[in-house]
Amino acid sequence: MRAETYAVVNLAALNLIEAISAAYYVTEEEAAARHEFRARQMLKKVAGALGYEVATAVCTDKAVDDPKEGCFSAHPGLRLVPMPHERKIEI
């Protein structure tokens, strides 16, 4: 992994952890929303540095019909998808 990529991922990951912790412990909804937004932005930054995008994961109709494959949360989740332009990552 290139040093620049490592630096971006490392700093964004630390900021992600801090934002999630702050969102978890804060009591005001507005402050929690700000921290959650920061956490999503840091997740996008980490994913982008590694050649991915963050997309919203949505339950399919099949998953709703089959409880074994259904969503475990009422809220849509996030998933990583490859970026449209293939970037090579040096390891």
N, C-alpha and C. Protein backbone atom coordinates (compact mmCIF):
# COMPACT_ATOMS: atom_id res chain seq x y z
N MET A 1 0.85 -1.16 0.00
CA MET A 1 0.00 0.00 0.00
C MET A 1 0.91 1.24 0.00
N ARG A 2 0.55 2.20 -0.81
CA ARG A 2 1.34 3.43 -0.89
C ARG A 2 1.21 4.21 0.41
N ALA A 3 2.24 4.98 0.72
CA ALA A 3 2.26 5.75 1.97
C ALA A 3 1.12 6.77 2.00
N GLU A 4 0.82 7.39 0.85
CA GLU A 4 -0.26 8.39 0.82
C GLU A 4 -1.61 7.74 1.12
N THR A 5 -1.84 6.57 0.53
CA THR A 5 -3.09 5.85 0.77
C THR A 5 -3.20 5.46 2.24
N TYR A 6 -2.10 4.96 2.79
CA TYR A 6 -2.09 4.56 4.19
C TYR A 6 -2.39 5.75 5.09
N ALA A 7 -1.80 6.89 4.80
CA ALA A 7 -2.01 8.08 5.62
C ALA A 7 -3.47 8.52 5.58
N VAL A 8 -4.07 8.53 4.41
CA VAL A 8 -5.47 8.94 4.27
C VAL A 8 -6.37 7.97 5.03
N VAL A 9 -6.16 6.68 4.84
CA VAL A 9 -7.00 5.66 5.49
C VAL A 9 -6.82 5.72 7.00
N ASN A 10 -5.60 5.85 7.46
CA ASN A 10 -5.32 5.87 8.89
C ASN A 10 -6.00 7.06 9.57
N LEU A 11 -5.85 8.26 9.02
CA LEU A 11 -6.45 9.44 9.62
C LEU A 11 -7.98 9.38 9.55
N ALA A 12 -8.51 8.95 8.41
CA ALA A 12 -9.96 8.85 8.28
C ALA A 12 -10.53 7.81 9.23
N ALA A 13 -9.83 6.71 9.42
CA ALA A 13 -10.30 5.67 10.34
C ALA A 13 -10.32 6.18 11.78
N LEU A 14 -9.31 6.92 12.17
CA LEU A 14 -9.30 7.50 13.52
C LEU A 14 -10.45 8.49 13.68
N ASN A 15 -10.69 9.32 12.68
CA ASN A 15 -11.81 10.26 12.73
C ASN A 15 -13.15 9.53 12.73
N LEU A 16 -13.24 8.42 12.00
CA LEU A 16 -14.45 7.61 11.96
C LEU A 16 -14.77 7.06 13.36
N ILE A 17 -13.77 6.52 14.01
CA ILE A 17 -13.96 5.96 15.36
C ILE A 17 -14.41 7.05 16.33
N GLU A 18 -13.77 8.22 16.24
CA GLU A 18 -14.14 9.33 17.13
C GLU A 18 -15.56 9.79 16.87
N ALA A 19 -15.95 9.90 15.61
CA ALA A 19 -17.30 10.36 15.27
C ALA A 19 -18.37 9.37 15.72
N ILE A 20 -18.10 8.09 15.55
CA ILE A 20 -19.07 7.07 15.97
C ILE A 20 -19.21 7.07 17.49
N SER A 21 -18.09 7.17 18.19
CA SER A 21 -18.13 7.23 19.66
C SER A 21 -18.92 8.45 20.13
N ALA A 22 -18.66 9.59 19.52
CA ALA A 22 -19.36 10.82 19.90
C ALA A 22 -20.85 10.69 19.62
N ALA A 23 -21.22 10.14 18.48
CA ALA A 23 -22.63 9.97 18.13
C ALA A 23 -23.33 9.03 19.10
N TYR A 24 -22.61 8.02 19.56
CA TYR A 24 -23.19 7.05 20.48
C TYR A 24 -23.48 7.66 21.85
N TYR A 25 -22.57 8.51 22.34
CA TYR A 25 -22.70 9.02 23.70
C TYR A 25 -23.43 10.35 23.82
N VAL A 26 -23.62 11.07 22.73
CA VAL A 26 -24.28 12.36 22.80
C VAL A 26 -25.78 12.18 23.01
N THR A 27 -26.42 13.11 23.70
CA THR A 27 -27.84 12.96 23.99
C THR A 27 -28.74 13.80 23.09
N GLU A 28 -28.23 14.88 22.54
CA GLU A 28 -29.04 15.74 21.68
C GLU A 28 -29.10 15.14 20.28
N GLU A 29 -30.30 15.12 19.69
CA GLU A 29 -30.47 14.53 18.36
C GLU A 29 -29.69 15.28 17.29
N GLU A 30 -29.66 16.61 17.38
CA GLU A 30 -28.96 17.40 16.37
C GLU A 30 -27.45 17.12 16.41
N ALA A 31 -26.89 17.02 17.59
CA ALA A 31 -25.46 16.72 17.72
C ALA A 31 -25.19 15.30 17.23
N ALA A 32 -26.06 14.37 17.54
CA ALA A 32 -25.88 12.99 17.08
C ALA A 32 -25.91 12.92 15.56
N ALA A 33 -26.82 13.68 14.95
CA ALA A 33 -26.91 13.70 13.49
C ALA A 33 -25.63 14.26 12.86
N ARG A 34 -25.04 15.29 13.49
CA ARG A 34 -23.78 15.84 12.97
C ARG A 34 -22.67 14.80 13.03
N HIS A 35 -22.58 14.09 14.15
CA HIS A 35 -21.54 13.07 14.30
C HIS A 35 -21.76 11.90 13.35
N GLU A 36 -23.01 11.52 13.15
CA GLU A 36 -23.31 10.44 12.20
C GLU A 36 -22.94 10.85 10.78
N PHE A 37 -23.20 12.11 10.43
CA PHE A 37 -22.82 12.61 9.11
C PHE A 37 -21.29 12.56 8.96
N ARG A 38 -20.57 13.00 9.98
CA ARG A 38 -19.10 12.94 9.95
C ARG A 38 -18.62 11.51 9.79
N ALA A 39 -19.26 10.58 10.49
CA ALA A 39 -18.86 9.17 10.40
C ALA A 39 -19.06 8.65 8.98
N ARG A 40 -20.17 8.99 8.35
CA ARG A 40 -20.42 8.56 6.97
C ARG A 40 -19.38 9.16 6.02
N GLN A 41 -19.03 10.43 6.24
CA GLN A 41 -18.04 11.08 5.39
C GLN A 41 -16.67 10.39 5.53
N MET A 42 -16.31 10.02 6.74
CA MET A 42 -15.02 9.35 6.96
C MET A 42 -15.04 7.95 6.35
N LEU A 43 -16.19 7.28 6.44
CA LEU A 43 -16.31 5.96 5.82
C LEU A 43 -16.14 6.07 4.31
N LYS A 44 -16.74 7.11 3.72
CA LYS A 44 -16.59 7.33 2.28
C LYS A 44 -15.14 7.62 1.92
N LYS A 45 -14.44 8.38 2.78
CA LYS A 45 -13.04 8.70 2.51
C LYS A 45 -12.17 7.45 2.55
N VAL A 46 -12.41 6.58 3.54
CA VAL A 46 -11.66 5.32 3.63
C VAL A 46 -11.94 4.46 2.40
N ALA A 47 -13.20 4.31 2.06
CA ALA A 47 -13.58 3.49 0.91
C ALA A 47 -12.97 4.05 -0.37
N GLY A 48 -13.03 5.36 -0.56
CA GLY A 48 -12.48 5.97 -1.76
C GLY A 48 -10.99 5.76 -1.88
N ALA A 49 -10.27 5.86 -0.78
CA ALA A 49 -8.82 5.64 -0.81
C ALA A 49 -8.47 4.21 -1.19
N LEU A 50 -9.37 3.28 -0.89
CA LEU A 50 -9.13 1.87 -1.20
C LEU A 50 -9.77 1.43 -2.52
N GLY A 51 -10.38 2.39 -3.24
CA GLY A 51 -10.94 2.08 -4.55
C GLY A 51 -12.38 1.62 -4.53
N TYR A 52 -13.12 1.98 -3.50
CA TYR A 52 -14.52 1.60 -3.39
C TYR A 52 -15.38 2.83 -3.21
N GLU A 53 -16.68 2.66 -3.39
CA GLU A 53 -17.66 3.67 -3.07
C GLU A 53 -18.60 3.07 -2.02
N VAL A 54 -19.22 3.93 -1.25
CA VAL A 54 -20.21 3.48 -0.27
C VAL A 54 -21.58 3.62 -0.91
N ALA A 55 -22.34 2.55 -0.91
CA ALA A 55 -23.69 2.55 -1.48
C ALA A 55 -24.67 2.11 -0.41
N THR A 56 -25.91 2.52 -0.56
CA THR A 56 -26.95 2.10 0.37
C THR A 56 -27.40 0.69 0.03
N ALA A 57 -27.37 -0.18 1.01
CA ALA A 57 -27.83 -1.56 0.82
C ALA A 57 -29.33 -1.61 1.08
N VAL A 58 -30.06 -2.13 0.14
CA VAL A 58 -31.51 -2.20 0.25
C VAL A 58 -31.93 -3.66 0.21
N CYS A 59 -32.91 -4.03 1.03
CA CYS A 59 -33.43 -5.40 1.02
C CYS A 59 -34.13 -5.66 -0.31
N THR A 60 -33.94 -6.85 -0.84
CA THR A 60 -34.64 -7.23 -2.05
C THR A 60 -35.97 -7.87 -1.69
N ASP A 61 -36.87 -7.99 -2.67
CA ASP A 61 -38.17 -8.63 -2.41
C ASP A 61 -37.98 -10.07 -1.96
N LYS A 62 -36.99 -10.76 -2.54
CA LYS A 62 -36.74 -12.15 -2.17
C LYS A 62 -36.36 -12.25 -0.69
N ALA A 63 -35.56 -11.29 -0.24
CA ALA A 63 -35.13 -11.31 1.16
C ALA A 63 -36.31 -11.13 2.10
N VAL A 64 -37.29 -10.33 1.69
CA VAL A 64 -38.47 -10.12 2.54
C VAL A 64 -39.29 -11.40 2.61
N ASP A 65 -39.38 -12.15 1.48
CA ASP A 65 -40.15 -13.38 1.45
C ASP A 65 -39.49 -14.50 2.25
N ASP A 66 -38.18 -14.52 2.29
CA ASP A 66 -37.44 -15.58 2.96
C ASP A 66 -36.84 -15.02 4.26
N PRO A 67 -37.39 -15.37 5.42
CA PRO A 67 -36.89 -14.80 6.67
C PRO A 67 -35.43 -15.15 6.95
N LYS A 68 -34.95 -16.27 6.40
CA LYS A 68 -33.55 -16.64 6.62
C LYS A 68 -32.60 -15.68 5.92
N GLU A 69 -33.05 -15.09 4.81
CA GLU A 69 -32.19 -14.18 4.06
C GLU A 69 -32.63 -12.74 4.19
N GLY A 70 -33.54 -12.46 5.11
CA GLY A 70 -34.06 -11.11 5.28
C GLY A 70 -33.04 -10.18 5.92
N CYS A 71 -33.37 -8.91 5.89
CA CYS A 71 -32.52 -7.91 6.52
C CYS A 71 -32.66 -8.04 8.04
N PHE A 72 -31.59 -7.80 8.74
CA PHE A 72 -31.61 -7.91 10.18
C PHE A 72 -31.96 -6.58 10.84
N SER A 73 -32.05 -5.51 10.06
CA SER A 73 -32.33 -4.19 10.59
C SER A 73 -33.46 -3.54 9.81
N ALA A 74 -34.21 -2.68 10.48
CA ALA A 74 -35.26 -1.94 9.80
C ALA A 74 -34.67 -0.80 8.99
N HIS A 75 -33.44 -0.42 9.29
CA HIS A 75 -32.78 0.67 8.58
C HIS A 75 -31.93 0.12 7.44
N PRO A 76 -31.90 0.82 6.31
CA PRO A 76 -31.02 0.37 5.23
C PRO A 76 -29.57 0.47 5.69
N GLY A 77 -28.76 -0.45 5.24
CA GLY A 77 -27.36 -0.45 5.61
C GLY A 77 -26.50 0.14 4.52
N LEU A 78 -25.21 0.04 4.71
CA LEU A 78 -24.24 0.51 3.73
C LEU A 78 -23.45 -0.68 3.23
N ARG A 79 -23.01 -0.60 1.99
CA ARG A 79 -22.14 -1.65 1.47
C ARG A 79 -21.09 -1.00 0.58
N LEU A 80 -19.97 -1.67 0.44
CA LEU A 80 -18.90 -1.17 -0.41
C LEU A 80 -19.03 -1.77 -1.79
N VAL A 81 -18.92 -0.94 -2.81
CA VAL A 81 -18.98 -1.40 -4.19
C VAL A 81 -17.75 -0.86 -4.92
N PRO A 82 -17.22 -1.61 -5.88
CA PRO A 82 -16.06 -1.12 -6.61
C PRO A 82 -16.39 0.18 -7.35
N MET A 83 -15.40 1.05 -7.42
CA MET A 83 -15.59 2.30 -8.16
C MET A 83 -15.73 1.98 -9.64
N PRO A 84 -16.46 2.82 -10.38
CA PRO A 84 -16.64 2.56 -11.81
C PRO A 84 -15.32 2.49 -12.58
N HIS A 85 -14.38 3.33 -12.24
CA HIS A 85 -13.08 3.27 -12.90
C HIS A 85 -12.16 2.40 -12.05
N GLU A 86 -11.60 1.41 -12.66
CA GLU A 86 -10.76 0.47 -11.94
C GLU A 86 -9.45 1.15 -11.56
N ARG A 87 -9.21 1.24 -10.27
CA ARG A 87 -7.95 1.79 -9.77
C ARG A 87 -7.12 0.65 -9.25
N LYS A 88 -5.86 0.64 -9.59
CA LYS A 88 -4.98 -0.38 -9.03
C LYS A 88 -4.47 0.10 -7.69
N ILE A 89 -4.50 -0.78 -6.73
CA ILE A 89 -3.99 -0.47 -5.40
C ILE A 89 -2.69 -1.23 -5.23
N GLU A 90 -1.64 -0.47 -4.93
CA GLU A 90 -0.34 -1.10 -4.71
C GLU A 90 -0.27 -1.62 -3.29
N ILE A 91 0.14 -2.87 -3.16
CA ILE A 91 0.26 -3.47 -1.84
C ILE A 91 1.69 -3.84 -1.59
